[in-house]
């Protein structure tokens, strides 16, 4: 787990314009050539799985992460993800989360692929409204919302196109459906399911350079 968190930190620093991490720029480039950056942006809404998939109101959700491969064949991959993300809803709970997933992806020869992920993680929930608590004088006053820790489970289904198959470009685009379940949400709602429909891109940095060096 420490390795995954550390690797994710490398991605964030690189994305913000850091060209060298701890003086090991070459090693960082090699790492980025083997592990993609996965970015997705979408919408979400509280609801039962597969209900309100195409949500007519905009409540944003963003995730960024990477993948570690246990099997990386031409057509099939078994991998583990490491992601951070968050979503915002002014009428319901908002959250910042970090999670990991186990996934399987199958890619056809012409580039079309489909995958499925199953994961678990930590979610920090924030109330949609101001919080008031009694003070020493017996009056209620607004207090800072420090959030509430929660366990999160999720599963994701994606379909997309891998440009490396025909165009030799180390990038993919995808559409993704996800269901994010907040566990132990409160005493009345032990599981809070939330649907999400996303569009995203997955790409490798310096992979073309790595391929040229190995020829």
N, C-alpha and C. Protein backbone atom coordinates (compact mmCIF):
# COMPACT_ATOMS: atom_id res chain seq x y z
N UNK A 1 0.83 -1.20 0.00
CA UNK A 1 0.00 0.00 0.00
C UNK A 1 0.86 1.25 0.00
N UNK A 2 1.97 1.25 0.76
CA UNK A 2 2.86 2.40 0.77
C UNK A 2 3.43 2.68 -0.61
N UNK A 3 3.75 1.59 -1.33
CA UNK A 3 4.31 1.74 -2.67
C UNK A 3 3.30 2.42 -3.59
N UNK A 4 2.03 2.04 -3.47
CA UNK A 4 0.99 2.62 -4.32
C UNK A 4 0.81 4.10 -4.02
N UNK A 5 0.73 4.46 -2.73
CA UNK A 5 0.56 5.86 -2.35
C UNK A 5 1.75 6.70 -2.80
N UNK A 6 2.97 6.18 -2.63
CA UNK A 6 4.17 6.90 -3.04
C UNK A 6 4.18 7.11 -4.55
N UNK A 7 3.79 6.08 -5.31
CA UNK A 7 3.76 6.18 -6.76
C UNK A 7 2.75 7.22 -7.21
N UNK A 8 1.61 7.28 -6.54
CA UNK A 8 0.60 8.25 -6.88
C UNK A 8 1.09 9.66 -6.61
N UNK A 9 1.86 9.84 -5.55
CA UNK A 9 2.44 11.15 -5.25
C UNK A 9 3.37 11.60 -6.35
N UNK A 10 4.12 10.66 -6.93
CA UNK A 10 5.01 10.99 -8.04
C UNK A 10 4.22 11.55 -9.22
N UNK A 11 3.09 10.92 -9.52
CA UNK A 11 2.27 11.37 -10.65
C UNK A 11 1.80 12.80 -10.44
N UNK A 12 1.33 13.12 -9.24
CA UNK A 12 0.82 14.46 -8.96
C UNK A 12 1.91 15.50 -9.12
N UNK A 13 3.10 15.21 -8.62
CA UNK A 13 4.20 16.16 -8.73
C UNK A 13 4.62 16.36 -10.18
N UNK A 14 4.64 15.28 -10.94
CA UNK A 14 5.00 15.41 -12.36
C UNK A 14 3.96 16.24 -13.09
N UNK A 15 2.68 16.00 -12.80
CA UNK A 15 1.62 16.74 -13.46
C UNK A 15 1.65 18.22 -13.15
N UNK A 16 2.20 18.63 -12.02
CA UNK A 16 2.26 20.04 -11.64
C UNK A 16 3.51 20.73 -12.17
N UNK A 17 4.31 20.01 -12.98
CA UNK A 17 5.45 20.65 -13.62
C UNK A 17 6.77 20.33 -13.00
N UNK A 18 6.83 19.32 -12.14
CA UNK A 18 8.11 18.95 -11.53
C UNK A 18 8.85 18.02 -12.48
N UNK A 19 10.02 18.43 -12.97
CA UNK A 19 10.78 17.64 -13.93
C UNK A 19 11.75 16.67 -13.28
N UNK A 20 11.98 16.83 -12.00
CA UNK A 20 12.92 15.95 -11.32
C UNK A 20 12.46 15.72 -9.90
N UNK A 21 12.40 14.46 -9.46
CA UNK A 21 11.96 14.13 -8.11
C UNK A 21 13.10 13.45 -7.39
N UNK A 22 13.54 14.08 -6.28
CA UNK A 22 14.65 13.57 -5.50
C UNK A 22 15.90 13.34 -6.36
N UNK A 23 16.06 14.14 -7.42
CA UNK A 23 17.25 14.06 -8.25
C UNK A 23 17.31 12.83 -9.14
N UNK A 24 16.18 12.13 -9.32
CA UNK A 24 16.19 10.90 -10.12
C UNK A 24 15.24 11.05 -11.30
N UNK A 25 15.52 11.99 -12.16
CA UNK A 25 14.64 12.28 -13.29
C UNK A 25 14.56 11.09 -14.24
N UNK A 26 15.67 10.43 -14.49
CA UNK A 26 15.67 9.29 -15.42
C UNK A 26 14.81 8.16 -14.90
N UNK A 27 14.92 7.84 -13.60
CA UNK A 27 14.12 6.77 -13.02
C UNK A 27 12.64 7.11 -13.07
N UNK A 28 12.30 8.39 -12.86
CA UNK A 28 10.90 8.81 -12.92
C UNK A 28 10.34 8.62 -14.33
N UNK A 29 11.12 8.96 -15.35
CA UNK A 29 10.67 8.79 -16.73
C UNK A 29 10.43 7.32 -17.05
N UNK A 30 11.31 6.44 -16.54
CA UNK A 30 11.13 5.01 -16.76
C UNK A 30 9.86 4.52 -16.08
N UNK A 31 9.61 5.05 -14.87
CA UNK A 31 8.39 4.65 -14.14
C UNK A 31 7.14 5.06 -14.90
N UNK A 32 7.15 6.30 -15.42
CA UNK A 32 5.99 6.80 -16.15
C UNK A 32 5.79 6.09 -17.48
N UNK A 33 6.85 5.51 -18.03
CA UNK A 33 6.72 4.76 -19.28
C UNK A 33 6.02 3.42 -19.05
N UNK A 34 5.98 2.93 -17.81
CA UNK A 34 5.40 1.63 -17.51
C UNK A 34 4.01 1.73 -16.87
N UNK A 35 3.69 2.89 -16.28
CA UNK A 35 2.44 3.05 -15.55
C UNK A 35 1.67 4.25 -16.11
N UNK A 36 0.43 4.05 -16.52
CA UNK A 36 -0.31 5.16 -17.14
C UNK A 36 -0.88 6.12 -16.12
N UNK A 37 -1.22 7.30 -16.60
CA UNK A 37 -2.01 8.25 -15.83
C UNK A 37 -3.46 8.12 -16.30
N UNK A 38 -4.36 7.91 -15.36
CA UNK A 38 -5.78 7.73 -15.64
C UNK A 38 -6.53 8.93 -15.06
N UNK A 39 -7.20 9.70 -15.94
CA UNK A 39 -7.96 10.86 -15.49
C UNK A 39 -9.39 10.74 -15.98
N UNK A 40 -10.35 10.95 -15.08
CA UNK A 40 -11.76 10.87 -15.44
C UNK A 40 -12.53 12.01 -14.80
N UNK A 41 -13.53 12.49 -15.52
CA UNK A 41 -14.38 13.58 -15.05
C UNK A 41 -15.82 13.22 -15.37
N UNK A 42 -16.71 13.42 -14.41
CA UNK A 42 -18.09 13.06 -14.67
C UNK A 42 -19.06 13.64 -13.68
N UNK A 43 -20.22 13.01 -13.64
CA UNK A 43 -21.35 13.44 -12.86
C UNK A 43 -21.77 12.32 -11.92
N UNK A 44 -22.44 12.64 -10.82
CA UNK A 44 -22.90 11.59 -9.93
C UNK A 44 -24.18 12.02 -9.21
N UNK A 45 -24.88 11.03 -8.70
CA UNK A 45 -26.13 11.27 -7.99
C UNK A 45 -26.42 10.08 -7.10
N UNK A 46 -26.96 10.34 -5.93
CA UNK A 46 -27.36 9.26 -5.02
C UNK A 46 -28.46 8.45 -5.67
N UNK A 47 -28.34 7.12 -5.64
CA UNK A 47 -29.36 6.27 -6.24
C UNK A 47 -28.94 4.82 -6.23
N UNK A 48 -29.90 3.94 -6.44
CA UNK A 48 -29.63 2.52 -6.52
C UNK A 48 -28.79 2.22 -7.76
N UNK A 49 -28.01 1.13 -7.73
CA UNK A 49 -27.16 0.80 -8.88
C UNK A 49 -27.93 0.75 -10.19
N UNK A 50 -27.33 1.34 -11.22
CA UNK A 50 -27.86 1.38 -12.60
C UNK A 50 -29.15 2.18 -12.72
N UNK A 51 -29.47 3.01 -11.72
CA UNK A 51 -30.59 3.93 -11.84
C UNK A 51 -30.04 5.32 -12.10
N UNK A 52 -30.75 6.11 -12.89
CA UNK A 52 -30.32 7.48 -13.21
C UNK A 52 -28.89 7.53 -13.73
N UNK A 53 -28.56 6.62 -14.66
CA UNK A 53 -27.20 6.58 -15.19
C UNK A 53 -26.87 7.89 -15.93
N UNK A 54 -27.81 8.36 -16.75
CA UNK A 54 -27.61 9.62 -17.45
C UNK A 54 -28.27 10.71 -16.61
N UNK A 55 -27.49 11.33 -15.76
CA UNK A 55 -27.99 12.23 -14.74
C UNK A 55 -28.25 13.60 -15.36
N UNK A 56 -29.43 14.16 -15.08
CA UNK A 56 -29.80 15.43 -15.71
C UNK A 56 -29.38 16.65 -14.91
N UNK A 57 -28.81 16.47 -13.73
CA UNK A 57 -28.27 17.57 -12.95
C UNK A 57 -26.77 17.37 -12.81
N UNK A 58 -26.05 18.49 -12.69
CA UNK A 58 -24.60 18.41 -12.69
C UNK A 58 -24.06 18.47 -11.27
N UNK A 59 -23.50 17.31 -10.80
CA UNK A 59 -22.79 17.23 -9.54
C UNK A 59 -21.43 16.59 -9.87
N UNK A 60 -20.36 17.37 -9.89
CA UNK A 60 -19.08 16.90 -10.47
C UNK A 60 -18.36 15.86 -9.62
N UNK A 61 -17.69 14.96 -10.31
CA UNK A 61 -16.80 13.97 -9.71
C UNK A 61 -15.53 13.91 -10.56
N UNK A 62 -14.36 13.90 -9.92
CA UNK A 62 -13.08 13.85 -10.61
C UNK A 62 -12.20 12.80 -9.95
N UNK A 63 -11.50 12.00 -10.75
CA UNK A 63 -10.52 11.05 -10.22
C UNK A 63 -9.24 11.12 -11.06
N UNK A 64 -8.11 10.86 -10.42
CA UNK A 64 -6.83 10.74 -11.12
C UNK A 64 -6.05 9.62 -10.44
N UNK A 65 -5.37 8.81 -11.23
CA UNK A 65 -4.64 7.69 -10.65
C UNK A 65 -3.74 7.00 -11.64
N UNK A 66 -3.39 5.76 -11.33
CA UNK A 66 -2.50 4.98 -12.18
C UNK A 66 -2.85 3.50 -12.06
N UNK A 67 -2.11 2.65 -12.77
CA UNK A 67 -2.34 1.21 -12.76
C UNK A 67 -1.03 0.46 -12.58
N UNK A 68 -1.10 -0.69 -11.89
CA UNK A 68 0.01 -1.61 -11.72
C UNK A 68 -0.42 -2.96 -12.29
N UNK A 69 0.39 -3.52 -13.17
CA UNK A 69 -0.05 -4.70 -13.92
C UNK A 69 0.46 -6.00 -13.32
N UNK A 70 -0.47 -6.93 -13.11
CA UNK A 70 -0.13 -8.30 -12.73
C UNK A 70 -0.03 -9.18 -13.98
N UNK A 71 -0.81 -8.85 -14.98
CA UNK A 71 -0.77 -9.51 -16.29
C UNK A 71 -0.96 -8.42 -17.33
N UNK A 72 -0.06 -8.36 -18.29
CA UNK A 72 -0.12 -7.30 -19.29
C UNK A 72 0.16 -7.88 -20.67
N UNK A 73 -0.83 -8.56 -21.21
CA UNK A 73 -0.73 -9.17 -22.52
C UNK A 73 -1.28 -8.23 -23.58
N UNK A 74 -1.16 -8.64 -24.82
CA UNK A 74 -1.60 -7.81 -25.92
C UNK A 74 -3.10 -7.54 -25.88
N UNK A 75 -3.89 -8.55 -25.47
CA UNK A 75 -5.34 -8.39 -25.47
C UNK A 75 -5.95 -8.36 -24.07
N UNK A 76 -5.30 -8.94 -23.08
CA UNK A 76 -5.91 -9.00 -21.76
C UNK A 76 -4.94 -8.48 -20.70
N UNK A 77 -5.52 -7.80 -19.72
CA UNK A 77 -4.73 -7.23 -18.62
C UNK A 77 -5.44 -7.46 -17.30
N UNK A 78 -4.67 -7.82 -16.30
CA UNK A 78 -5.13 -7.84 -14.92
C UNK A 78 -4.30 -6.82 -14.17
N UNK A 79 -4.93 -5.91 -13.47
CA UNK A 79 -4.21 -4.77 -12.93
C UNK A 79 -4.82 -4.31 -11.60
N UNK A 80 -4.06 -3.47 -10.91
CA UNK A 80 -4.54 -2.82 -9.70
C UNK A 80 -4.38 -1.32 -9.87
N UNK A 81 -5.39 -0.58 -9.44
CA UNK A 81 -5.35 0.87 -9.56
C UNK A 81 -5.01 1.52 -8.23
N UNK A 82 -4.57 2.76 -8.29
CA UNK A 82 -4.41 3.63 -7.12
C UNK A 82 -4.94 4.99 -7.54
N UNK A 83 -5.95 5.49 -6.84
CA UNK A 83 -6.61 6.72 -7.27
C UNK A 83 -6.89 7.63 -6.09
N UNK A 84 -6.95 8.91 -6.39
CA UNK A 84 -7.54 9.88 -5.50
C UNK A 84 -8.65 10.59 -6.26
N UNK A 85 -9.63 11.11 -5.54
CA UNK A 85 -10.73 11.77 -6.22
C UNK A 85 -11.62 12.50 -5.24
N UNK A 86 -12.66 13.05 -5.79
CA UNK A 86 -13.62 13.76 -4.96
C UNK A 86 -14.87 14.09 -5.74
N UNK A 87 -15.94 14.37 -5.03
CA UNK A 87 -17.16 14.81 -5.67
C UNK A 87 -17.83 15.87 -4.80
N UNK A 88 -18.67 16.68 -5.43
CA UNK A 88 -19.30 17.79 -4.72
C UNK A 88 -20.78 17.84 -5.03
N UNK A 89 -21.57 17.99 -3.97
CA UNK A 89 -23.02 18.15 -4.11
C UNK A 89 -23.49 19.07 -2.99
N UNK A 90 -23.95 20.26 -3.34
CA UNK A 90 -24.33 21.24 -2.32
C UNK A 90 -25.61 20.85 -1.59
N UNK A 91 -26.34 19.85 -2.12
CA UNK A 91 -27.56 19.39 -1.46
C UNK A 91 -27.37 18.09 -0.70
N UNK A 92 -26.23 17.43 -0.91
CA UNK A 92 -26.00 16.13 -0.28
C UNK A 92 -24.54 16.09 0.17
N UNK A 93 -24.08 14.92 0.49
CA UNK A 93 -22.71 14.78 0.98
C UNK A 93 -21.69 15.00 -0.12
N UNK A 94 -20.61 15.72 0.19
CA UNK A 94 -19.45 15.83 -0.67
C UNK A 94 -18.31 15.04 -0.04
N UNK A 95 -17.31 14.69 -0.86
CA UNK A 95 -16.29 13.78 -0.34
C UNK A 95 -14.96 13.96 -1.04
N UNK A 96 -13.90 13.66 -0.31
CA UNK A 96 -12.56 13.43 -0.85
C UNK A 96 -12.21 11.99 -0.53
N UNK A 97 -11.68 11.23 -1.52
CA UNK A 97 -11.41 9.82 -1.26
C UNK A 97 -10.12 9.36 -1.91
N UNK A 98 -9.61 8.25 -1.39
CA UNK A 98 -8.47 7.55 -1.96
C UNK A 98 -8.83 6.07 -1.96
N UNK A 99 -8.60 5.39 -3.08
CA UNK A 99 -9.02 3.99 -3.15
C UNK A 99 -8.13 3.20 -4.10
N UNK A 100 -8.30 1.89 -4.06
CA UNK A 100 -7.59 0.99 -4.96
C UNK A 100 -8.58 -0.05 -5.46
N UNK A 101 -8.35 -0.54 -6.69
CA UNK A 101 -9.26 -1.48 -7.32
C UNK A 101 -8.49 -2.59 -8.02
N UNK A 102 -9.09 -3.74 -8.11
CA UNK A 102 -8.59 -4.83 -8.93
C UNK A 102 -9.46 -4.88 -10.19
N UNK A 103 -8.81 -4.94 -11.36
CA UNK A 103 -9.57 -4.88 -12.59
C UNK A 103 -9.09 -5.85 -13.65
N UNK A 104 -9.98 -6.10 -14.62
CA UNK A 104 -9.65 -6.92 -15.79
C UNK A 104 -10.09 -6.16 -17.03
N UNK A 105 -9.21 -6.13 -18.04
CA UNK A 105 -9.50 -5.43 -19.28
C UNK A 105 -9.23 -6.35 -20.47
N UNK A 106 -10.16 -6.36 -21.42
CA UNK A 106 -9.96 -7.11 -22.66
C UNK A 106 -10.00 -6.13 -23.82
N UNK A 107 -8.99 -6.20 -24.70
CA UNK A 107 -8.87 -5.29 -25.83
C UNK A 107 -8.89 -6.07 -27.13
N UNK A 108 -9.79 -5.71 -28.03
CA UNK A 108 -9.83 -6.33 -29.35
C UNK A 108 -8.69 -5.81 -30.22
N UNK A 109 -8.38 -6.54 -31.27
CA UNK A 109 -7.24 -6.21 -32.10
C UNK A 109 -7.30 -4.85 -32.73
N UNK A 110 -8.52 -4.34 -32.99
CA UNK A 110 -8.64 -3.04 -33.64
C UNK A 110 -8.71 -1.89 -32.64
N UNK A 111 -8.63 -2.19 -31.32
CA UNK A 111 -8.50 -1.12 -30.33
C UNK A 111 -9.65 -0.97 -29.35
N UNK A 112 -10.83 -1.50 -29.66
CA UNK A 112 -11.94 -1.39 -28.73
C UNK A 112 -11.69 -2.25 -27.49
N UNK A 113 -11.97 -1.72 -26.31
CA UNK A 113 -11.76 -2.49 -25.09
C UNK A 113 -12.91 -2.30 -24.11
N UNK A 114 -13.01 -3.22 -23.17
CA UNK A 114 -13.97 -3.14 -22.07
C UNK A 114 -13.26 -3.62 -20.82
N UNK A 115 -13.59 -3.03 -19.69
CA UNK A 115 -12.99 -3.47 -18.44
C UNK A 115 -13.96 -3.36 -17.28
N UNK A 116 -13.62 -4.03 -16.18
CA UNK A 116 -14.43 -4.02 -14.97
C UNK A 116 -13.50 -3.95 -13.77
N UNK A 117 -13.83 -3.08 -12.81
CA UNK A 117 -13.02 -2.89 -11.61
C UNK A 117 -13.88 -3.09 -10.37
N UNK A 118 -13.26 -3.60 -9.32
CA UNK A 118 -13.90 -3.75 -8.03
C UNK A 118 -12.93 -3.25 -6.98
N UNK A 119 -13.38 -2.29 -6.12
CA UNK A 119 -12.42 -1.68 -5.22
C UNK A 119 -12.96 -1.31 -3.86
N UNK A 120 -12.06 -0.81 -3.04
CA UNK A 120 -12.37 -0.36 -1.68
C UNK A 120 -11.44 0.80 -1.36
N UNK A 121 -11.87 1.68 -0.44
CA UNK A 121 -11.02 2.80 -0.11
C UNK A 121 -11.51 3.58 1.09
N UNK A 122 -10.85 4.70 1.32
CA UNK A 122 -11.20 5.60 2.42
C UNK A 122 -11.84 6.85 1.84
N UNK A 123 -12.95 7.26 2.43
CA UNK A 123 -13.66 8.45 1.98
C UNK A 123 -13.87 9.38 3.17
N UNK A 124 -13.60 10.67 2.96
CA UNK A 124 -13.82 11.66 4.01
C UNK A 124 -15.00 12.52 3.58
N UNK A 125 -16.10 12.42 4.32
CA UNK A 125 -17.36 13.04 3.94
C UNK A 125 -17.52 14.41 4.59
N UNK A 126 -18.17 15.33 3.84
CA UNK A 126 -18.44 16.66 4.34
C UNK A 126 -19.93 16.96 4.24
N UNK A 127 -20.47 17.61 5.26
CA UNK A 127 -21.90 17.91 5.31
C UNK A 127 -22.27 18.96 4.26
N UNK A 128 -23.47 18.89 3.72
CA UNK A 128 -23.89 19.88 2.72
C UNK A 128 -24.27 21.22 3.32
N UNK A 129 -24.61 21.24 4.61
CA UNK A 129 -25.05 22.47 5.25
C UNK A 129 -24.16 22.81 6.44
N UNK A 130 -24.32 24.02 6.94
CA UNK A 130 -23.55 24.45 8.10
C UNK A 130 -23.90 23.61 9.32
N UNK A 131 -22.92 23.43 10.23
CA UNK A 131 -23.10 22.64 11.44
C UNK A 131 -23.14 23.57 12.64
N UNK A 132 -24.12 23.34 13.50
CA UNK A 132 -24.25 24.15 14.71
C UNK A 132 -24.20 23.25 15.93
N UNK A 133 -23.50 23.71 16.98
CA UNK A 133 -23.41 22.98 18.24
C UNK A 133 -23.58 23.95 19.40
N UNK A 134 -24.11 23.46 20.54
CA UNK A 134 -24.31 24.35 21.69
C UNK A 134 -22.97 24.75 22.31
N UNK A 135 -22.88 26.00 22.72
CA UNK A 135 -21.68 26.48 23.40
C UNK A 135 -21.88 26.47 24.91
N UNK A 136 -20.96 27.07 25.65
CA UNK A 136 -21.04 27.06 27.11
C UNK A 136 -22.21 27.86 27.64
N UNK A 137 -22.74 28.78 26.82
CA UNK A 137 -23.86 29.60 27.25
C UNK A 137 -25.21 28.98 26.90
N UNK A 138 -25.17 27.77 26.33
CA UNK A 138 -26.41 27.11 25.96
C UNK A 138 -26.97 27.58 24.64
N UNK A 139 -26.22 28.40 23.91
CA UNK A 139 -26.64 28.87 22.61
C UNK A 139 -25.95 28.05 21.51
N UNK A 140 -26.59 28.01 20.34
CA UNK A 140 -26.01 27.27 19.22
C UNK A 140 -25.17 28.22 18.36
N UNK A 141 -23.99 27.76 18.00
CA UNK A 141 -23.12 28.52 17.14
C UNK A 141 -22.54 27.63 16.05
N UNK A 142 -22.23 28.25 14.91
CA UNK A 142 -21.70 27.48 13.79
C UNK A 142 -20.27 27.06 14.07
N UNK A 143 -19.96 25.80 13.74
CA UNK A 143 -18.62 25.26 13.95
C UNK A 143 -18.06 24.79 12.62
N UNK A 144 -16.74 24.63 12.58
CA UNK A 144 -16.07 24.20 11.36
C UNK A 144 -16.40 22.73 11.05
N UNK A 145 -16.63 22.45 9.79
CA UNK A 145 -16.92 21.08 9.36
C UNK A 145 -15.59 20.38 9.05
N UNK A 146 -15.15 19.54 9.96
CA UNK A 146 -13.91 18.78 9.75
C UNK A 146 -14.16 17.49 8.98
N UNK A 147 -15.40 17.19 8.67
CA UNK A 147 -15.72 16.00 7.91
C UNK A 147 -15.85 14.76 8.77
N UNK A 148 -16.23 13.68 8.10
CA UNK A 148 -16.46 12.41 8.78
C UNK A 148 -15.78 11.28 8.01
N UNK A 149 -14.95 10.47 8.65
CA UNK A 149 -14.31 9.35 7.94
C UNK A 149 -15.30 8.25 7.61
N UNK A 150 -15.09 7.61 6.48
CA UNK A 150 -16.00 6.56 6.04
C UNK A 150 -15.25 5.55 5.18
N UNK A 151 -15.75 4.33 5.14
CA UNK A 151 -15.23 3.31 4.24
C UNK A 151 -16.04 3.35 2.95
N UNK A 152 -15.37 3.22 1.84
CA UNK A 152 -16.05 3.26 0.55
C UNK A 152 -15.75 1.99 -0.25
N UNK A 153 -16.75 1.47 -0.92
CA UNK A 153 -16.58 0.38 -1.88
C UNK A 153 -17.11 0.85 -3.22
N UNK A 154 -16.55 0.32 -4.30
CA UNK A 154 -17.00 0.77 -5.62
C UNK A 154 -16.79 -0.32 -6.66
N UNK A 155 -17.55 -0.23 -7.72
CA UNK A 155 -17.28 -1.04 -8.90
C UNK A 155 -17.50 -0.17 -10.13
N UNK A 156 -16.66 -0.40 -11.16
CA UNK A 156 -16.65 0.42 -12.36
C UNK A 156 -16.71 -0.46 -13.60
N UNK A 157 -17.43 0.00 -14.60
CA UNK A 157 -17.51 -0.66 -15.90
C UNK A 157 -17.17 0.37 -16.96
N UNK A 158 -16.24 0.02 -17.87
CA UNK A 158 -15.80 0.99 -18.88
C UNK A 158 -15.78 0.36 -20.26
N UNK A 159 -15.94 1.20 -21.26
CA UNK A 159 -15.75 0.82 -22.65
C UNK A 159 -15.02 1.97 -23.32
N UNK A 160 -14.05 1.64 -24.18
CA UNK A 160 -13.26 2.71 -24.78
C UNK A 160 -12.46 2.25 -25.97
N UNK A 161 -11.54 3.08 -26.38
CA UNK A 161 -10.71 2.79 -27.55
C UNK A 161 -9.25 3.06 -27.23
N UNK A 162 -8.39 2.09 -27.57
CA UNK A 162 -6.96 2.17 -27.35
C UNK A 162 -6.27 2.58 -28.65
N UNK A 163 -5.71 3.79 -28.69
CA UNK A 163 -5.11 4.32 -29.92
C UNK A 163 -3.77 3.66 -30.26
N UNK A 164 -3.20 2.92 -29.33
CA UNK A 164 -1.91 2.28 -29.62
C UNK A 164 -2.05 1.12 -30.60
N UNK A 165 -3.23 0.58 -30.76
CA UNK A 165 -3.41 -0.59 -31.61
C UNK A 165 -3.28 -0.25 -33.09
N UNK A 166 -3.82 0.88 -33.50
CA UNK A 166 -3.80 1.25 -34.92
C UNK A 166 -2.96 2.49 -35.21
N UNK A 167 -2.91 3.42 -34.26
CA UNK A 167 -2.24 4.69 -34.49
C UNK A 167 -0.89 4.79 -33.80
N UNK A 168 -0.51 3.77 -33.03
CA UNK A 168 0.76 3.75 -32.30
C UNK A 168 0.89 4.94 -31.34
N UNK A 169 -0.24 5.35 -30.74
CA UNK A 169 -0.25 6.42 -29.76
C UNK A 169 -0.58 5.82 -28.38
N UNK A 170 0.26 6.05 -27.37
CA UNK A 170 0.07 5.41 -26.06
C UNK A 170 -1.02 6.09 -25.23
N UNK A 171 -2.26 6.07 -25.75
CA UNK A 171 -3.36 6.73 -25.06
C UNK A 171 -4.66 6.02 -25.37
N UNK A 172 -5.62 6.12 -24.44
CA UNK A 172 -6.95 5.55 -24.61
C UNK A 172 -7.98 6.56 -24.12
N UNK A 173 -9.16 6.53 -24.71
CA UNK A 173 -10.29 7.29 -24.20
C UNK A 173 -11.38 6.30 -23.81
N UNK A 174 -12.22 6.68 -22.86
CA UNK A 174 -13.22 5.73 -22.38
C UNK A 174 -14.45 6.43 -21.81
N UNK A 175 -15.55 5.69 -21.80
CA UNK A 175 -16.75 6.05 -21.07
C UNK A 175 -16.86 5.08 -19.91
N UNK A 176 -17.25 5.58 -18.74
CA UNK A 176 -17.22 4.74 -17.53
C UNK A 176 -18.48 4.94 -16.71
N UNK A 177 -19.06 3.82 -16.30
CA UNK A 177 -20.13 3.86 -15.29
C UNK A 177 -19.56 3.37 -13.97
N UNK A 178 -19.85 4.08 -12.90
CA UNK A 178 -19.37 3.66 -11.59
C UNK A 178 -20.44 3.77 -10.54
N UNK A 179 -20.37 2.91 -9.55
CA UNK A 179 -21.24 3.02 -8.38
C UNK A 179 -20.34 3.07 -7.15
N UNK A 180 -20.42 4.18 -6.42
CA UNK A 180 -19.61 4.41 -5.23
C UNK A 180 -20.51 4.27 -4.01
N UNK A 181 -20.20 3.31 -3.15
CA UNK A 181 -21.05 3.01 -2.00
C UNK A 181 -20.36 3.44 -0.71
N UNK A 182 -20.95 4.40 -0.01
CA UNK A 182 -20.44 4.82 1.29
C UNK A 182 -20.98 3.86 2.35
N UNK A 183 -20.07 3.15 3.01
CA UNK A 183 -20.46 2.17 4.01
C UNK A 183 -20.53 2.82 5.39
N UNK A 184 -21.48 2.36 6.20
CA UNK A 184 -21.69 2.89 7.55
C UNK A 184 -21.91 4.41 7.49
N UNK A 185 -22.73 4.83 6.53
CA UNK A 185 -22.97 6.26 6.31
C UNK A 185 -23.54 6.93 7.55
N UNK A 186 -24.60 6.37 8.11
CA UNK A 186 -25.12 6.76 9.41
C UNK A 186 -26.00 5.63 9.94
N UNK A 187 -26.58 5.82 11.13
CA UNK A 187 -27.35 4.74 11.75
C UNK A 187 -28.61 4.41 10.97
N UNK A 188 -29.15 5.37 10.24
CA UNK A 188 -30.37 5.14 9.46
C UNK A 188 -30.08 4.60 8.06
N UNK A 189 -28.90 4.99 7.49
CA UNK A 189 -28.53 4.56 6.14
C UNK A 189 -27.16 3.90 6.21
N UNK A 190 -27.09 2.59 6.43
CA UNK A 190 -25.78 1.93 6.55
C UNK A 190 -24.99 1.92 5.25
N UNK A 191 -25.67 1.92 4.10
CA UNK A 191 -25.00 1.94 2.79
C UNK A 191 -25.66 2.99 1.92
N UNK A 192 -24.85 3.93 1.43
CA UNK A 192 -25.37 4.99 0.55
C UNK A 192 -24.78 4.81 -0.85
N UNK A 193 -25.57 4.30 -1.81
CA UNK A 193 -25.05 4.10 -3.18
C UNK A 193 -25.15 5.39 -3.99
N UNK A 194 -24.14 5.61 -4.84
CA UNK A 194 -24.11 6.80 -5.69
C UNK A 194 -23.66 6.41 -7.09
N UNK A 195 -24.47 6.74 -8.08
CA UNK A 195 -24.15 6.43 -9.46
C UNK A 195 -23.31 7.53 -10.08
N UNK A 196 -22.44 7.14 -11.01
CA UNK A 196 -21.58 8.11 -11.69
C UNK A 196 -21.39 7.70 -13.15
N UNK A 197 -21.49 8.68 -14.03
CA UNK A 197 -21.20 8.47 -15.45
C UNK A 197 -20.06 9.40 -15.83
N UNK A 198 -18.95 8.84 -16.38
CA UNK A 198 -17.73 9.61 -16.57
C UNK A 198 -17.17 9.44 -17.98
N UNK A 199 -16.36 10.40 -18.37
CA UNK A 199 -15.55 10.31 -19.58
C UNK A 199 -14.11 10.54 -19.17
N UNK A 200 -13.19 9.80 -19.78
CA UNK A 200 -11.82 9.92 -19.31
C UNK A 200 -10.78 9.59 -20.36
N UNK A 201 -9.53 9.77 -19.96
CA UNK A 201 -8.39 9.46 -20.81
C UNK A 201 -7.33 8.75 -19.97
N UNK A 202 -6.67 7.79 -20.57
CA UNK A 202 -5.56 7.07 -19.94
C UNK A 202 -4.37 7.15 -20.89
N UNK A 203 -3.22 7.61 -20.40
CA UNK A 203 -2.08 7.80 -21.29
C UNK A 203 -0.78 7.51 -20.56
N UNK A 204 0.22 7.15 -21.35
CA UNK A 204 1.57 6.91 -20.85
C UNK A 204 2.45 8.11 -21.20
N UNK A 205 3.37 8.43 -20.30
CA UNK A 205 4.35 9.48 -20.53
C UNK A 205 5.69 8.82 -20.86
N UNK A 206 6.33 9.29 -21.94
CA UNK A 206 7.65 8.80 -22.35
C UNK A 206 7.65 7.35 -22.83
N UNK A 207 6.48 6.78 -23.12
CA UNK A 207 6.47 5.39 -23.59
C UNK A 207 7.06 5.28 -24.99
N UNK A 208 6.80 6.24 -25.85
CA UNK A 208 7.37 6.20 -27.21
C UNK A 208 8.88 6.25 -27.16
N UNK A 209 9.43 7.06 -26.22
CA UNK A 209 10.88 7.13 -26.07
C UNK A 209 11.44 5.79 -25.62
N UNK A 210 10.73 5.14 -24.71
CA UNK A 210 11.18 3.84 -24.20
C UNK A 210 11.17 2.79 -25.32
N UNK A 211 10.13 2.84 -26.17
CA UNK A 211 10.05 1.88 -27.26
C UNK A 211 11.18 2.09 -28.26
N UNK A 212 11.51 3.37 -28.52
CA UNK A 212 12.58 3.65 -29.46
C UNK A 212 13.94 3.18 -28.95
N UNK A 213 14.13 3.30 -27.62
CA UNK A 213 15.40 2.87 -27.02
C UNK A 213 15.60 1.36 -27.08
N UNK A 214 14.49 0.61 -27.08
CA UNK A 214 14.58 -0.85 -27.06
C UNK A 214 14.68 -1.45 -28.46
N UNK A 215 14.51 -0.61 -29.50
CA UNK A 215 14.58 -1.16 -30.87
C UNK A 215 16.02 -1.45 -31.28
